[in-house]
Each structure stands twice: as structure tokens, then as C-alpha cells.
PDB file of N, CA and C in Angstrom:
ATOM      1  N   MET A   1     -17.832   4.887  13.563  1.00  0.00           N
ATOM      2  CA  MET A   1     -17.498   6.196  13.703  1.00  0.00           C
ATOM      3  C   MET A   1     -16.686   6.369  15.054  1.00  0.00           C
ATOM      4  N   THR A   2     -15.543   7.004  14.787  1.00  0.00           N
ATOM      5  CA  THR A   2     -14.893   7.510  16.113  1.00  0.00           C
ATOM      6  C   THR A   2     -14.527   8.949  16.299  1.00  0.00           C
ATOM      7  N   HIS A   3     -14.080   9.172  17.234  1.00  0.00           N
ATOM      8  CA  HIS A   3     -13.956  10.707  17.345  1.00  0.00           C
ATOM      9  C   HIS A   3     -12.636  10.872  18.212  1.00  0.00           C
ATOM     10  N   PRO A   4     -11.762  11.946  18.074  1.00  0.00           N
ATOM     11  CA  PRO A   4     -10.597  12.019  18.833  1.00  0.00           C
ATOM     12  C   PRO A   4     -10.758  11.814  20.370  1.00  0.00           C
ATOM     13  N   ARG A   5     -11.578  12.117  20.998  1.00  0.00           N
ATOM     14  CA  ARG A   5     -11.879  11.846  22.448  1.00  0.00           C
ATOM     15  C   ARG A   5     -12.646  10.586  22.728  1.00  0.00           C
ATOM     16  N   ALA A   6     -13.254   9.745  21.817  1.00  0.00           N
ATOM     17  CA  ALA A   6     -14.104   8.807  22.117  1.00  0.00           C
ATOM     18  C   ALA A   6     -13.806   7.553  21.106  1.00  0.00           C
ATOM     19  N   ASP A   7     -13.912   6.193  21.880  1.00  0.00           N
ATOM     20  CA  ASP A   7     -13.845   5.024  20.973  1.00  0.00           C
ATOM     21  C   ASP A   7     -14.976   4.650  20.234  1.00  0.00           C
ATOM     22  N   VAL A   8     -16.008   5.171  20.778  1.00  0.00           N
ATOM     23  CA  VAL A   8     -17.539   4.916  20.136  1.00  0.00           C
ATOM     24  C   VAL A   8     -18.300   6.105  20.072  1.00  0.00           C
ATOM     25  N   VAL A   9     -19.026   6.615  18.846  1.00  0.00           N
ATOM     26  CA  VAL A   9     -19.745   7.764  18.724  1.00  0.00           C
ATOM     27  C   VAL A   9     -21.086   7.469  18.376  1.00  0.00           C
ATOM     28  N   ILE A  10     -22.115   7.816  18.935  1.00  0.00           N
ATOM     29  CA  ILE A  10     -23.501   7.705  18.747  1.00  0.00           C
ATOM     30  C   ILE A  10     -24.130   9.001  18.450  1.00  0.00           C
ATOM     31  N   ASP A  11     -24.486   9.111  16.946  1.00  0.00           N
ATOM     32  CA  ASP A  11     -25.054  10.466  16.641  1.00  0.00           C
ATOM     33  C   ASP A  11     -26.745  10.148  16.881  1.00  0.00           C
ATOM     34  N   ALA A  12     -27.314  10.696  17.693  1.00  0.00           N
ATOM     35  CA  ALA A  12     -28.862  10.514  18.209  1.00  0.00           C
ATOM     36  C   ALA A  12     -29.507  11.780  17.813  1.00  0.00           C
ATOM     37  N   ARG A  13     -28.994  12.632  17.155  1.00  0.00           N
ATOM     38  CA  ARG A  13     -29.586  14.095  17.001  1.00  0.00           C
ATOM     39  C   ARG A  13     -31.072  13.873  16.268  1.00  0.00           C
ATOM     40  N   ASP A  14     -31.138  12.884  15.449  1.00  0.00           N
ATOM     41  CA  ASP A  14     -32.379  12.662  14.570  1.00  0.00           C
ATOM     42  C   ASP A  14     -33.202  11.637  15.098  1.00  0.00           C
ATOM     43  N   LEU A  15     -33.084  10.993  16.320  1.00  0.00           N
ATOM     44  CA  LEU A  15     -33.701   9.895  16.769  1.00  0.00           C
ATOM     45  C   LEU A  15     -34.742  10.342  17.753  1.00  0.00           C
ATOM     46  N   GLU A  16     -35.911   9.571  17.614  1.00  0.00           N
ATOM     47  CA  GLU A  16     -37.067   9.923  18.613  1.00  0.00           C
ATOM     48  C   GLU A  16     -36.896   9.310  19.929  1.00  0.00           C
ATOM     49  N   PRO A  17     -37.159   9.931  21.144  1.00  0.00           N
ATOM     50  CA  PRO A  17     -37.112   9.099  22.400  1.00  0.00           C
ATOM     51  C   PRO A  17     -37.982   7.867  22.392  1.00  0.00           C
ATOM     52  N   PRO A  18     -37.638   6.984  23.166  1.00  0.00           N
ATOM     53  CA  PRO A  18     -36.545   6.555  23.917  1.00  0.00           C
ATOM     54  C   PRO A  18     -35.204   6.070  23.144  1.00  0.00           C
ATOM     55  N   GLU A  19     -35.230   5.972  21.964  1.00  0.00           N
ATOM     56  CA  GLU A  19     -34.161   5.373  21.075  1.00  0.00           C
ATOM     57  C   GLU A  19     -32.813   5.987  21.446  1.00  0.00           C
ATOM     58  N   PRO A  20     -32.575   7.352  21.764  1.00  0.00           N
ATOM     59  CA  PRO A  20     -31.184   7.678  22.108  1.00  0.00           C
ATOM     60  C   PRO A  20     -30.731   7.127  23.374  1.00  0.00           C
ATOM     61  N   LEU A  21     -31.574   6.907  24.342  1.00  0.00           N
ATOM     62  CA  LEU A  21     -31.441   6.411  25.653  1.00  0.00           C
ATOM     63  C   LEU A  21     -31.056   4.789  25.520  1.00  0.00           C
ATOM     64  N   VAL A  22     -32.029   4.167  24.600  1.00  0.00           N
ATOM     65  CA  VAL A  22     -31.796   2.640  24.378  1.00  0.00           C
ATOM     66  C   VAL A  22     -30.370   2.461  23.828  1.00  0.00           C
ATOM     67  N   ARG A  23     -30.012   3.166  22.746  1.00  0.00           N
ATOM     68  CA  ARG A  23     -28.805   2.965  21.841  1.00  0.00           C
ATOM     69  C   ARG A  23     -27.627   3.226  22.672  1.00  0.00           C
ATOM     70  N   THR A  24     -27.756   4.215  23.791  1.00  0.00           N
ATOM     71  CA  THR A  24     -26.628   4.570  24.670  1.00  0.00           C
ATOM     72  C   THR A  24     -26.170   3.407  25.482  1.00  0.00           C
ATOM     73  N   MET A  25     -27.229   3.067  26.253  1.00  0.00           N
ATOM     74  CA  MET A  25     -27.312   2.119  27.287  1.00  0.00           C
ATOM     75  C   MET A  25     -26.773   0.871  26.538  1.00  0.00           C
ATOM     76  N   GLU A  26     -27.226   0.169  25.383  1.00  0.00           N
ATOM     77  CA  GLU A  26     -26.885  -0.768  24.701  1.00  0.00           C
ATOM     78  C   GLU A  26     -25.170  -0.587  24.327  1.00  0.00           C
ATOM     79  N   ALA A  27     -24.695   0.477  24.068  1.00  0.00           N
ATOM     80  CA  ALA A  27     -23.532   0.604  23.412  1.00  0.00           C
ATOM     81  C   ALA A  27     -22.416   0.726  24.901  1.00  0.00           C
ATOM     82  N   LEU A  28     -23.044   1.184  25.982  1.00  0.00           N
ATOM     83  CA  LEU A  28     -22.391   1.085  27.426  1.00  0.00           C
ATOM     84  C   LEU A  28     -22.134  -0.358  28.055  1.00  0.00           C
ATOM     85  N   ASP A  29     -23.153  -1.042  27.490  1.00  0.00           N
ATOM     86  CA  ASP A  29     -23.053  -2.573  27.860  1.00  0.00           C
ATOM     87  C   ASP A  29     -21.661  -3.073  27.223  1.00  0.00           C
ATOM     88  N   HIS A  30     -21.316  -2.758  26.103  1.00  0.00           N
ATOM     89  CA  HIS A  30     -19.947  -3.197  25.482  1.00  0.00           C
ATOM     90  C   HIS A  30     -18.847  -2.554  25.507  1.00  0.00           C
ATOM     91  N   LEU A  31     -18.739  -1.282  26.227  1.00  0.00           N
ATOM     92  CA  LEU A  31     -17.607  -0.344  26.145  1.00  0.00           C
ATOM     93  C   LEU A  31     -16.506  -1.161  27.088  1.00  0.00           C
ATOM     94  N   GLU A  32     -15.421  -0.978  26.602  1.00  0.00           N
ATOM     95  CA  GLU A  32     -14.240  -1.415  27.227  1.00  0.00           C
ATOM     96  C   GLU A  32     -13.988  -0.833  28.493  1.00  0.00           C
ATOM     97  N   PRO A  33     -13.596  -1.257  29.483  1.00  0.00           N
ATOM     98  CA  PRO A  33     -12.994  -0.635  30.902  1.00  0.00           C
ATOM     99  C   PRO A  33     -12.616   0.862  30.793  1.00  0.00           C
ATOM    100  N   ALA A  34     -11.736   0.864  29.905  1.00  0.00           N
ATOM    101  CA  ALA A  34     -10.899   2.334  29.722  1.00  0.00           C
ATOM    102  C   ALA A  34     -11.440   2.961  28.501  1.00  0.00           C
ATOM    103  N   GLY A  35     -12.402   2.515  27.822  1.00  0.00           N
ATOM    104  CA  GLY A  35     -13.211   3.106  26.659  1.00  0.00           C
ATOM    105  C   GLY A  35     -13.919   4.309  27.129  1.00  0.00           C
ATOM    106  N   LYS A  36     -14.341   5.247  26.026  1.00  0.00           N
ATOM    107  CA  LYS A  36     -15.203   6.550  26.048  1.00  0.00           C
ATOM    108  C   LYS A  36     -16.195   6.381  24.940  1.00  0.00           C
ATOM    109  N   LEU A  37     -17.312   6.534  25.245  1.00  0.00           N
ATOM    110  CA  LEU A  37     -18.666   6.714  24.429  1.00  0.00           C
ATOM    111  C   LEU A  37     -18.867   8.343  24.190  1.00  0.00           C
ATOM    112  N   LEU A  38     -19.103   8.875  23.140  1.00  0.00           N
ATOM    113  CA  LEU A  38     -19.493  10.264  22.805  1.00  0.00           C
ATOM    114  C   LEU A  38     -20.827  10.079  22.329  1.00  0.00           C
ATOM    115  N   VAL A  39     -21.794  10.720  22.768  1.00  0.00           N
ATOM    116  CA  VAL A  39     -23.258  10.689  22.416  1.00  0.00           C
ATOM    117  C   VAL A  39     -23.554  12.287  21.788  1.00  0.00           C
ATOM    118  N   LEU A  40     -24.046  12.412  20.771  1.00  0.00           N
ATOM    119  CA  LEU A  40     -24.555  13.775  20.268  1.00  0.00           C
ATOM    120  C   LEU A  40     -26.050  13.538  20.222  1.00  0.00           C
ATOM    121  N   LEU A  41     -26.806  14.795  20.856  1.00  0.00           N
ATOM    122  CA  LEU A  41     -28.031  14.852  21.256  1.00  0.00           C
ATOM    123  C   LEU A  41     -28.380  16.303  20.729  1.00  0.00           C
ATOM    124  N   PRO A  42     -29.699  16.203  20.606  1.00  0.00           N
ATOM    125  CA  PRO A  42     -30.392  17.676  20.323  1.00  0.00           C
ATOM    126  C   PRO A  42     -30.646  18.411  21.419  1.00  0.00           C
ATOM    127  N   ARG A  43     -30.654  17.781  22.618  1.00  0.00           N
ATOM    128  CA  ARG A  43     -31.162  18.440  23.838  1.00  0.00           C
ATOM    129  C   ARG A  43     -30.325  17.914  25.036  1.00  0.00           C
ATOM    130  N   GLU A  44     -30.486  18.335  26.146  1.00  0.00           N
ATOM    131  CA  GLU A  44     -29.744  17.862  27.330  1.00  0.00           C
ATOM    132  C   GLU A  44     -30.522  16.696  27.688  1.00  0.00           C
ATOM    133  N   PRO A  45     -29.727  15.592  28.085  1.00  0.00           N
ATOM    134  CA  PRO A  45     -30.598  14.161  28.215  1.00  0.00           C
ATOM    135  C   PRO A  45     -30.643  14.060  29.733  1.00  0.00           C
ATOM    136  N   PHE A  46     -31.637  14.454  30.433  1.00  0.00           N
ATOM    137  CA  PHE A  46     -31.569  14.324  32.120  1.00  0.00           C
ATOM    138  C   PHE A  46     -31.801  13.044  32.337  1.00  0.00           C
ATOM    139  N   PRO A  47     -32.685  12.104  31.523  1.00  0.00           N
ATOM    140  CA  PRO A  47     -33.010  10.771  32.077  1.00  0.00           C
ATOM    141  C   PRO A  47     -31.700   9.817  32.019  1.00  0.00           C
ATOM    142  N   LEU A  48     -30.807  10.263  30.927  1.00  0.00           N
ATOM    143  CA  LEU A  48     -29.604   9.530  30.701  1.00  0.00           C
ATOM    144  C   LEU A  48     -28.801   9.742  31.899  1.00  0.00           C
ATOM    145  N   TYR A  49     -28.614  11.026  32.456  1.00  0.00           N
ATOM    146  CA  TYR A  49     -27.678  11.235  33.589  1.00  0.00           C
ATOM    147  C   TYR A  49     -28.049  10.206  34.912  1.00  0.00           C
ATOM    148  N   ARG A  50     -29.363  10.156  35.141  1.00  0.00           N
ATOM    149  CA  ARG A  50     -29.817   9.174  36.098  1.00  0.00           C
ATOM    150  C   ARG A  50     -29.287   7.883  36.155  1.00  0.00           C
ATOM    151  N   ALA A  51     -29.448   7.395  34.826  1.00  0.00           N
ATOM    152  CA  ALA A  51     -29.089   6.077  34.222  1.00  0.00           C
ATOM    153  C   ALA A  51     -27.594   5.623  34.294  1.00  0.00           C
ATOM    154  N   LEU A  52     -26.755   6.866  34.116  1.00  0.00           N
ATOM    155  CA  LEU A  52     -25.458   6.680  34.295  1.00  0.00           C
ATOM    156  C   LEU A  52     -25.122   6.601  35.793  1.00  0.00           C
ATOM    157  N   GLU A  53     -25.627   7.444  36.497  1.00  0.00           N
ATOM    158  CA  GLU A  53     -25.261   7.535  37.833  1.00  0.00           C
ATOM    159  C   GLU A  53     -25.430   6.076  38.328  1.00  0.00           C
ATOM    160  N   ILE A  54     -26.673   5.684  38.239  1.00  0.00           N
ATOM    161  CA  ILE A  54     -26.879   4.359  38.841  1.00  0.00           C
ATOM    162  C   ILE A  54     -26.022   3.161  38.396  1.00  0.00           C
ATOM    163  N   ASN A  55     -25.582   3.277  37.011  1.00  0.00           N
ATOM    164  CA  ASN A  55     -24.780   2.218  36.315  1.00  0.00           C
ATOM    165  C   ASN A  55     -23.416   2.335  36.621  1.00  0.00           C
ATOM    166  N   GLY A  56     -22.841   3.385  37.440  1.00  0.00           N
ATOM    167  CA  GLY A  56     -21.287   3.592  37.581  1.00  0.00           C
ATOM    168  C   GLY A  56     -20.592   4.272  36.437  1.00  0.00           C
ATOM    169  N   PHE A  57     -21.177   5.116  35.566  1.00  0.00           N
ATOM    170  CA  PHE A  57     -20.454   5.916  34.599  1.00  0.00           C
ATOM    171  C   PHE A  57     -20.411   7.293  35.238  1.00  0.00           C
ATOM    172  N   SER A  58     -19.204   8.001  34.588  1.00  0.00           N
ATOM    173  CA  SER A  58     -19.235   9.391  34.948  1.00  0.00           C
ATOM    174  C   SER A  58     -19.222  10.135  33.634  1.00  0.00           C
ATOM    175  N   TRP A  59     -19.508  11.418  33.272  1.00  0.00           N
ATOM    176  CA  TRP A  59     -19.749  12.139  32.053  1.00  0.00           C
ATOM    177  C   TRP A  59     -19.401  13.334  32.098  1.00  0.00           C
ATOM    178  N   GLN A  60     -19.355  14.051  30.840  1.00  0.00           N
ATOM    179  CA  GLN A  60     -18.914  15.389  30.687  1.00  0.00           C
ATOM    180  C   GLN A  60     -19.889  15.767  29.464  1.00  0.00           C
ATOM    181  N   THR A  61     -20.762  16.964  29.908  1.00  0.00           N
ATOM    182  CA  THR A  61     -21.505  17.481  28.898  1.00  0.00           C
ATOM    183  C   THR A  61     -21.016  18.788  28.517  1.00  0.00           C
ATOM    184  N   GLU A  62     -21.176  19.017  27.019  1.00  0.00           N
ATOM    185  CA  GLU A  62     -20.979  20.197  26.358  1.00  0.00           C
ATOM    186  C   GLU A  62     -22.032  20.717  25.413  1.00  0.00           C
ATOM    187  N   HIS A  63     -22.223  21.903  25.448  1.00  0.00           N
ATOM    188  CA  HIS A  63     -23.177  22.513  24.743  1.00  0.00           C
ATOM    189  C   HIS A  63     -22.402  23.090  23.304  1.00  0.00           C
ATOM    190  N   GLN A  64     -22.893  22.927  22.179  1.00  0.00           N
ATOM    191  CA  GLN A  64     -22.018  23.269  20.954  1.00  0.00           C
ATOM    192  C   GLN A  64     -22.823  24.562  20.350  1.00  0.00           C
ATOM    193  N   ALA A  65     -21.990  25.269  19.430  1.00  0.00           N
ATOM    194  CA  ALA A  65     -22.675  26.225  18.947  1.00  0.00           C
ATOM    195  C   ALA A  65     -23.892  26.116  18.077  1.00  0.00           C
ATOM    196  N   ASP A  66     -24.137  24.741  17.407  1.00  0.00           N
ATOM    197  CA  ASP A  66     -25.101  24.592  16.529  1.00  0.00           C
ATOM    198  C   ASP A  66     -26.168  24.195  17.423  1.00  0.00           C
ATOM    199  N   GLY A  67     -26.221  24.030  18.777  1.00  0.00           N
ATOM    200  CA  GLY A  67     -27.337  23.519  19.639  1.00  0.00           C
ATOM    201  C   GLY A  67     -27.091  22.051  19.948  1.00  0.00           C
ATOM    202  N   THR A  68     -26.109  21.412  19.319  1.00  0.00           N
ATOM    203  CA  THR A  68     -25.812  19.975  19.827  1.00  0.00           C
ATOM    204  C   THR A  68     -25.273  19.895  21.152  1.00  0.00           C
ATOM    205  N   VAL A  69     -25.877  18.643  21.884  1.00  0.00           N
ATOM    206  CA  VAL A  69     -25.353  18.755  23.219  1.00  0.00           C
ATOM    207  C   VAL A  69     -24.601  17.260  23.067  1.00  0.00           C
ATOM    208  N   THR A  70     -23.183  17.479  23.452  1.00  0.00           N
ATOM    209  CA  THR A  70     -22.333  16.051  23.421  1.00  0.00           C
ATOM    210  C   THR A  70     -22.208  15.695  24.749  1.00  0.00           C
ATOM    211  N   VAL A  71     -22.428  14.374  25.021  1.00  0.00           N
ATOM    212  CA  VAL A  71     -21.988  13.639  26.218  1.00  0.00           C
ATOM    213  C   VAL A  71     -21.013  12.520  26.228  1.00  0.00           C
ATOM    214  N   LEU A  72     -19.694  12.849  26.803  1.00  0.00           N
ATOM    215  CA  LEU A  72     -18.718  11.987  26.949  1.00  0.00           C
ATOM    216  C   LEU A  72     -18.761  11.247  28.147  1.00  0.00           C
ATOM    217  N   ILE A  73     -18.936   9.843  27.809  1.00  0.00           N
ATOM    218  CA  ILE A  73     -19.350   8.915  28.980  1.00  0.00           C
ATOM    219  C   ILE A  73     -17.991   7.995  29.191  1.00  0.00           C
ATOM    220  N   GLU A  74     -17.785   7.701  30.459  1.00  0.00           N
ATOM    221  CA  GLU A  74     -16.645   6.626  30.675  1.00  0.00           C
ATOM    222  C   GLU A  74     -17.030   6.057  31.938  1.00  0.00           C
ATOM    223  N   HIS A  75     -16.409   4.633  32.314  1.00  0.00           N
ATOM    224  CA  HIS A  75     -16.520   3.884  33.456  1.00  0.00           C
ATOM    225  C   HIS A  75     -16.173   4.939  34.619  1.00  0.00           C
ATOM    226  N   ARG A  76     -16.882   4.956  35.622  1.00  0.00           N
ATOM    227  CA  ARG A  76     -16.274   5.846  36.874  1.00  0.00           C
ATOM    228  C   ARG A  76     -15.204   5.168  37.420  1.00  0.00           C
ATOM    229  N   ARG A  77     -13.989   5.845  37.565  1.00  0.00           N
ATOM    230  CA  ARG A  77     -12.826   5.461  38.205  1.00  0.00           C
ATOM    231  C   ARG A  77     -13.239   5.276  39.747  1.00  0.00           C
ATOM    232  N   GLN A  78     -12.523   3.980  40.130  1.00  0.00           N
ATOM    233  CA  GLN A  78     -12.621   3.622  41.555  1.00  0.00           C
ATOM    234  C   GLN A  78     -11.693   4.273  42.431  1.00  0.00           C
TER     235      GLN A  78
END
């Protein structure tokens, strides 16, 4: 699945923790340097933010009208 803003999309809204975090980190292991990953979640993923910071990623979080939280992730620019 792709999205206009992302190369890879993970819909983790129906997954139980820690599965969203596990799947996101696995996808980031394979993300191209210029690639973007979009994660759809049912709530704000605070543990994910710390993992992204440690591993050199930047992100943008948006709250959708239906309650979905979207996190667009990419490699941090040097």
C-alpha cells in the first residue's frame, strides 16, 4: 500500500501493542534513504518517538478527524 506522501504505509490501528512499534521499526530497517513511511495509529505513539530519535529519524504527526493519528517518518537530514 502506498500514499501520496509516503513510499510505505502501515495501518496499525487494529494491532495490539507492541506490534505497531515492532512493525514500524522493521519497516524502517528497509526504508530507502530518501523514502518515507506513513504509520496509521489509534493513539499518539510516545514510545515510538523516542525510538525514532535514537535511530536518526524525523517525523511529523497529524491528528485526523476520525481519531487516527498519522506519523510520517523519514531519515533525518544531515
